N, C-alpha and C. Protein backbone atom coordinates (compact mmCIF):
# COMPACT_ATOMS: atom_id res chain seq x y z
N UNK A 1 -24.84 25.52 -31.71
CA UNK A 1 -23.45 25.73 -32.06
C UNK A 1 -22.98 27.11 -31.62
N UNK A 2 -23.85 28.10 -31.76
CA UNK A 2 -23.51 29.46 -31.39
C UNK A 2 -23.19 29.56 -29.90
N UNK A 3 -23.94 28.83 -29.06
CA UNK A 3 -23.70 28.83 -27.62
C UNK A 3 -22.35 28.24 -27.29
N UNK A 4 -21.95 27.20 -28.01
CA UNK A 4 -20.66 26.56 -27.76
C UNK A 4 -19.52 27.52 -28.10
N UNK A 5 -19.64 28.24 -29.21
CA UNK A 5 -18.62 29.20 -29.62
C UNK A 5 -18.51 30.32 -28.58
N UNK A 6 -19.63 30.83 -28.11
CA UNK A 6 -19.62 31.90 -27.11
C UNK A 6 -19.01 31.40 -25.81
N UNK A 7 -19.37 30.20 -25.37
CA UNK A 7 -18.80 29.62 -24.16
C UNK A 7 -17.29 29.46 -24.30
N UNK A 8 -16.85 28.97 -25.46
CA UNK A 8 -15.42 28.81 -25.70
C UNK A 8 -14.70 30.15 -25.62
N UNK A 9 -15.29 31.20 -26.19
CA UNK A 9 -14.67 32.52 -26.17
C UNK A 9 -14.58 33.05 -24.74
N UNK A 10 -15.63 32.86 -23.95
CA UNK A 10 -15.62 33.31 -22.56
C UNK A 10 -14.54 32.58 -21.77
N UNK A 11 -14.47 31.26 -21.96
CA UNK A 11 -13.46 30.47 -21.25
C UNK A 11 -12.05 30.87 -21.69
N UNK A 12 -11.86 31.13 -22.97
CA UNK A 12 -10.55 31.52 -23.48
C UNK A 12 -10.09 32.85 -22.87
N UNK A 13 -10.99 33.82 -22.81
CA UNK A 13 -10.66 35.12 -22.21
C UNK A 13 -10.34 34.95 -20.74
N UNK A 14 -11.14 34.15 -20.03
CA UNK A 14 -10.88 33.90 -18.61
C UNK A 14 -9.53 33.24 -18.40
N UNK A 15 -9.19 32.27 -19.24
CA UNK A 15 -7.90 31.59 -19.13
C UNK A 15 -6.76 32.55 -19.40
N UNK A 16 -6.88 33.37 -20.43
CA UNK A 16 -5.84 34.35 -20.74
C UNK A 16 -5.66 35.34 -19.60
N UNK A 17 -6.77 35.79 -19.00
CA UNK A 17 -6.70 36.72 -17.88
C UNK A 17 -5.99 36.08 -16.70
N UNK A 18 -6.30 34.83 -16.39
CA UNK A 18 -5.66 34.13 -15.28
C UNK A 18 -4.17 33.98 -15.54
N UNK A 19 -3.79 33.68 -16.79
CA UNK A 19 -2.37 33.54 -17.09
C UNK A 19 -1.64 34.86 -16.94
N UNK A 20 -2.25 35.95 -17.32
CA UNK A 20 -1.60 37.25 -17.22
C UNK A 20 -1.45 37.72 -15.79
N UNK A 21 -2.28 37.23 -14.87
CA UNK A 21 -2.18 37.65 -13.48
C UNK A 21 -1.12 36.86 -12.72
N UNK A 22 -0.75 35.70 -13.20
CA UNK A 22 0.31 34.93 -12.54
C UNK A 22 1.65 35.51 -12.94
N UNK A 23 2.54 35.58 -11.97
CA UNK A 23 3.89 36.01 -12.27
C UNK A 23 4.80 34.81 -12.09
N UNK A 24 5.47 34.45 -13.13
CA UNK A 24 6.41 33.35 -13.10
C UNK A 24 7.75 33.87 -13.57
N UNK A 25 8.79 33.54 -12.83
CA UNK A 25 10.13 33.94 -13.25
C UNK A 25 10.96 32.69 -13.53
N UNK A 26 11.78 32.78 -14.55
CA UNK A 26 12.69 31.72 -14.92
C UNK A 26 14.10 32.28 -14.94
N UNK A 27 15.03 31.58 -14.29
CA UNK A 27 16.41 32.03 -14.24
C UNK A 27 17.32 30.86 -14.60
N UNK A 28 18.15 31.05 -15.61
CA UNK A 28 19.08 30.00 -16.03
C UNK A 28 20.20 29.90 -15.00
N UNK A 29 20.45 28.69 -14.52
CA UNK A 29 21.53 28.43 -13.56
C UNK A 29 22.27 27.18 -14.02
N UNK A 30 23.33 27.38 -14.80
CA UNK A 30 24.06 26.26 -15.36
C UNK A 30 23.18 25.50 -16.33
N UNK A 31 23.05 24.18 -16.13
CA UNK A 31 22.20 23.38 -17.02
C UNK A 31 20.76 23.29 -16.52
N UNK A 32 20.45 24.04 -15.45
CA UNK A 32 19.10 24.06 -14.88
C UNK A 32 18.43 25.40 -15.14
N UNK A 33 17.10 25.40 -15.07
CA UNK A 33 16.32 26.64 -15.10
C UNK A 33 15.52 26.68 -13.81
N UNK A 34 15.74 27.72 -13.02
CA UNK A 34 15.01 27.91 -11.76
C UNK A 34 13.69 28.59 -12.06
N UNK A 35 12.61 28.02 -11.52
CA UNK A 35 11.27 28.59 -11.72
C UNK A 35 10.68 29.01 -10.39
N UNK A 36 10.14 30.22 -10.35
CA UNK A 36 9.42 30.71 -9.19
C UNK A 36 8.05 31.14 -9.68
N UNK A 37 7.01 30.51 -9.13
CA UNK A 37 5.65 30.69 -9.63
C UNK A 37 4.80 31.30 -8.52
N UNK A 38 4.07 32.37 -8.85
CA UNK A 38 3.21 33.07 -7.90
C UNK A 38 1.75 32.90 -8.30
N UNK A 39 0.85 32.91 -7.32
CA UNK A 39 -0.58 32.82 -7.63
C UNK A 39 -1.12 34.21 -7.98
N UNK A 40 -2.41 34.29 -8.24
CA UNK A 40 -3.02 35.56 -8.65
C UNK A 40 -2.90 36.65 -7.60
N UNK A 41 -2.78 36.28 -6.32
CA UNK A 41 -2.66 37.25 -5.25
C UNK A 41 -1.21 37.69 -5.01
N UNK A 42 -0.28 37.17 -5.80
CA UNK A 42 1.12 37.52 -5.65
C UNK A 42 1.87 36.68 -4.62
N UNK A 43 1.20 35.69 -4.05
CA UNK A 43 1.84 34.80 -3.07
C UNK A 43 2.64 33.72 -3.79
N UNK A 44 3.77 33.36 -3.22
CA UNK A 44 4.58 32.28 -3.76
C UNK A 44 3.78 30.99 -3.75
N UNK A 45 3.74 30.29 -4.89
CA UNK A 45 2.97 29.06 -5.02
C UNK A 45 3.87 27.84 -5.21
N UNK A 46 4.91 27.99 -6.03
CA UNK A 46 5.83 26.88 -6.30
C UNK A 46 7.23 27.43 -6.55
N UNK A 47 8.21 26.60 -6.21
CA UNK A 47 9.59 26.94 -6.52
C UNK A 47 10.33 25.65 -6.83
N UNK A 48 11.07 25.65 -7.93
CA UNK A 48 11.83 24.46 -8.28
C UNK A 48 12.65 24.67 -9.53
N UNK A 49 13.07 23.56 -10.11
CA UNK A 49 13.99 23.61 -11.24
C UNK A 49 13.53 22.71 -12.38
N UNK A 50 13.95 23.07 -13.58
CA UNK A 50 13.74 22.27 -14.78
C UNK A 50 15.11 21.91 -15.36
N UNK A 51 15.17 20.74 -15.97
CA UNK A 51 16.34 20.34 -16.73
C UNK A 51 15.81 19.68 -18.00
N UNK A 52 16.23 20.18 -19.14
CA UNK A 52 15.73 19.67 -20.42
C UNK A 52 14.20 19.70 -20.47
N UNK A 53 13.60 20.78 -19.95
CA UNK A 53 12.16 21.03 -19.96
C UNK A 53 11.37 20.05 -19.09
N UNK A 54 12.05 19.35 -18.18
CA UNK A 54 11.37 18.44 -17.26
C UNK A 54 11.65 18.89 -15.83
N UNK A 55 10.66 18.68 -14.94
CA UNK A 55 10.88 18.99 -13.53
C UNK A 55 12.09 18.20 -13.05
N UNK A 56 12.98 18.88 -12.32
CA UNK A 56 14.21 18.22 -11.90
C UNK A 56 14.74 18.90 -10.63
N UNK A 57 15.17 18.10 -9.69
CA UNK A 57 15.69 18.66 -8.44
C UNK A 57 14.56 18.94 -7.46
N UNK A 58 14.87 19.74 -6.47
CA UNK A 58 13.92 20.03 -5.39
C UNK A 58 12.81 20.98 -5.84
N UNK A 59 11.57 20.61 -5.50
CA UNK A 59 10.41 21.46 -5.73
C UNK A 59 9.70 21.66 -4.40
N UNK A 60 9.25 22.88 -4.16
CA UNK A 60 8.51 23.22 -2.96
C UNK A 60 7.19 23.86 -3.38
N UNK A 61 6.11 23.43 -2.74
CA UNK A 61 4.77 23.95 -3.02
C UNK A 61 4.23 24.62 -1.76
N UNK A 62 3.53 25.75 -1.93
CA UNK A 62 3.03 26.55 -0.82
C UNK A 62 1.53 26.73 -0.93
N UNK A 63 0.85 26.88 0.23
CA UNK A 63 -0.58 27.19 0.21
C UNK A 63 -0.76 28.71 0.19
N UNK A 64 -2.01 29.16 0.22
CA UNK A 64 -2.33 30.59 0.13
C UNK A 64 -1.80 31.39 1.32
N UNK A 65 -1.52 30.70 2.44
CA UNK A 65 -0.98 31.39 3.62
C UNK A 65 0.55 31.40 3.61
N UNK A 66 1.16 30.86 2.59
CA UNK A 66 2.61 30.85 2.48
C UNK A 66 3.30 29.70 3.19
N UNK A 67 2.52 28.73 3.68
CA UNK A 67 3.09 27.57 4.36
C UNK A 67 3.47 26.50 3.33
N UNK A 68 4.57 25.80 3.59
CA UNK A 68 4.95 24.69 2.73
C UNK A 68 3.92 23.58 2.88
N UNK A 69 3.42 23.09 1.75
CA UNK A 69 2.47 21.99 1.79
C UNK A 69 2.99 20.74 1.07
N UNK A 70 4.07 20.89 0.33
CA UNK A 70 4.71 19.73 -0.31
C UNK A 70 6.15 20.08 -0.61
N UNK A 71 7.00 19.07 -0.45
CA UNK A 71 8.43 19.26 -0.68
C UNK A 71 9.02 17.94 -1.11
N UNK A 72 9.75 17.95 -2.22
CA UNK A 72 10.38 16.72 -2.69
C UNK A 72 11.22 16.96 -3.92
N UNK A 73 11.72 15.87 -4.49
CA UNK A 73 12.62 15.96 -5.64
C UNK A 73 12.06 15.21 -6.84
N UNK A 74 12.38 15.77 -8.00
CA UNK A 74 12.10 15.13 -9.27
C UNK A 74 13.43 14.76 -9.92
N UNK A 75 13.41 13.69 -10.68
CA UNK A 75 14.55 13.32 -11.50
C UNK A 75 14.01 13.14 -12.92
N UNK A 76 14.36 14.08 -13.78
CA UNK A 76 13.87 14.06 -15.17
C UNK A 76 12.36 13.90 -15.27
N UNK A 77 11.64 14.66 -14.45
CA UNK A 77 10.18 14.69 -14.52
C UNK A 77 9.47 13.64 -13.68
N UNK A 78 10.22 12.81 -12.95
CA UNK A 78 9.64 11.73 -12.17
C UNK A 78 9.93 11.96 -10.68
N UNK A 79 8.87 11.87 -9.84
CA UNK A 79 9.07 11.99 -8.40
C UNK A 79 10.00 10.88 -7.93
N UNK A 80 10.93 11.26 -7.04
CA UNK A 80 11.89 10.30 -6.55
C UNK A 80 12.24 10.56 -5.10
N UNK A 81 12.53 9.51 -4.36
CA UNK A 81 12.96 9.65 -2.98
C UNK A 81 11.85 10.08 -2.04
N UNK A 82 12.25 10.75 -0.97
CA UNK A 82 11.34 11.16 0.09
C UNK A 82 10.65 12.47 -0.26
N UNK A 83 9.32 12.48 -0.17
CA UNK A 83 8.50 13.67 -0.32
C UNK A 83 7.73 13.89 0.97
N UNK A 84 7.47 15.15 1.28
CA UNK A 84 6.66 15.49 2.44
C UNK A 84 5.41 16.22 1.96
N UNK A 85 4.26 15.83 2.51
CA UNK A 85 2.98 16.44 2.17
C UNK A 85 2.27 16.83 3.45
N UNK A 86 1.74 18.06 3.48
CA UNK A 86 0.99 18.54 4.64
C UNK A 86 -0.46 18.75 4.23
N UNK A 87 -1.36 18.26 5.09
CA UNK A 87 -2.79 18.55 4.89
C UNK A 87 -3.41 18.76 6.27
N UNK A 88 -4.72 18.80 6.36
CA UNK A 88 -5.40 19.05 7.63
C UNK A 88 -5.12 17.96 8.67
N UNK A 89 -4.72 16.79 8.23
CA UNK A 89 -4.46 15.67 9.14
C UNK A 89 -3.03 15.64 9.65
N UNK A 90 -2.16 16.47 9.12
CA UNK A 90 -0.76 16.49 9.55
C UNK A 90 0.19 16.34 8.38
N UNK A 91 1.38 15.78 8.66
CA UNK A 91 2.42 15.64 7.65
C UNK A 91 2.64 14.16 7.36
N UNK A 92 2.74 13.85 6.08
CA UNK A 92 3.03 12.47 5.67
C UNK A 92 4.31 12.47 4.85
N UNK A 93 5.11 11.44 5.07
CA UNK A 93 6.30 11.21 4.26
C UNK A 93 5.95 10.11 3.26
N UNK A 94 6.19 10.41 2.01
CA UNK A 94 5.89 9.44 0.95
C UNK A 94 7.19 9.16 0.21
N UNK A 95 7.55 7.89 0.13
CA UNK A 95 8.76 7.50 -0.58
C UNK A 95 8.42 6.98 -1.96
N UNK A 96 9.14 7.50 -2.96
CA UNK A 96 8.92 7.14 -4.35
C UNK A 96 10.15 6.41 -4.91
N UNK A 97 9.89 5.40 -5.72
CA UNK A 97 10.93 4.74 -6.51
C UNK A 97 10.38 4.67 -7.93
N UNK A 98 11.13 5.26 -8.87
CA UNK A 98 10.70 5.31 -10.28
C UNK A 98 9.30 5.90 -10.43
N UNK A 99 8.99 6.92 -9.63
CA UNK A 99 7.71 7.61 -9.74
C UNK A 99 6.55 6.90 -9.08
N UNK A 100 6.81 5.78 -8.43
CA UNK A 100 5.73 5.02 -7.78
C UNK A 100 5.89 5.06 -6.27
N UNK A 101 4.76 5.18 -5.57
CA UNK A 101 4.76 5.21 -4.12
C UNK A 101 5.13 3.83 -3.60
N UNK A 102 6.16 3.79 -2.72
CA UNK A 102 6.55 2.50 -2.12
C UNK A 102 6.29 2.47 -0.62
N UNK A 103 6.13 3.66 0.00
CA UNK A 103 5.88 3.69 1.44
C UNK A 103 5.30 5.05 1.83
N UNK A 104 4.33 5.03 2.75
CA UNK A 104 3.74 6.25 3.30
C UNK A 104 3.81 6.16 4.82
N UNK A 105 4.34 7.22 5.45
CA UNK A 105 4.48 7.25 6.90
C UNK A 105 3.92 8.56 7.43
N UNK A 106 3.06 8.49 8.44
CA UNK A 106 2.57 9.71 9.08
C UNK A 106 3.63 10.17 10.07
N UNK A 107 3.97 11.46 10.03
CA UNK A 107 5.02 12.02 10.88
C UNK A 107 4.44 12.80 12.04
N UNK A 108 5.24 12.98 13.06
CA UNK A 108 4.86 13.84 14.19
C UNK A 108 4.89 15.29 13.71
N UNK A 109 4.07 16.13 14.27
CA UNK A 109 4.08 17.54 13.94
C UNK A 109 3.12 17.89 12.83
N UNK A 110 3.00 19.19 12.57
CA UNK A 110 2.03 19.67 11.61
C UNK A 110 2.65 20.60 10.57
N UNK A 111 3.99 20.68 10.51
CA UNK A 111 4.63 21.61 9.60
C UNK A 111 5.77 20.94 8.85
N UNK A 112 5.90 21.28 7.59
CA UNK A 112 7.00 20.80 6.77
C UNK A 112 8.22 21.68 6.99
N UNK A 113 8.04 22.86 7.53
CA UNK A 113 9.11 23.84 7.65
C UNK A 113 10.35 23.29 8.35
N UNK A 114 10.18 22.30 9.20
CA UNK A 114 11.30 21.79 9.97
C UNK A 114 12.03 20.64 9.29
N UNK A 115 11.54 20.20 8.15
CA UNK A 115 12.16 19.05 7.46
C UNK A 115 13.04 19.51 6.34
């Protein structure tokens, strides 16, 4: 039991440290809240909006090099419409209806920056 308590304390301190190193800003814009989230190195990691505490509107995700790796829209916390995802294999367009994938298409090129 003592080992479990010590492990929990170590994990809790590590989690608190990680949270303190992230910089997240929230800015009220009408009925939306704009969120800008940075990783531990200070690089932009995510940018998007909340409405009624749910992901809403356009969200953009970045990798450690600052490249866009995902771009799409949420409607009240649910992925909707066309999303773009970049990985080592290239860029894929994923279409969502009511949060469910309805179509996946591989696109020409290797960057989301142009979409």
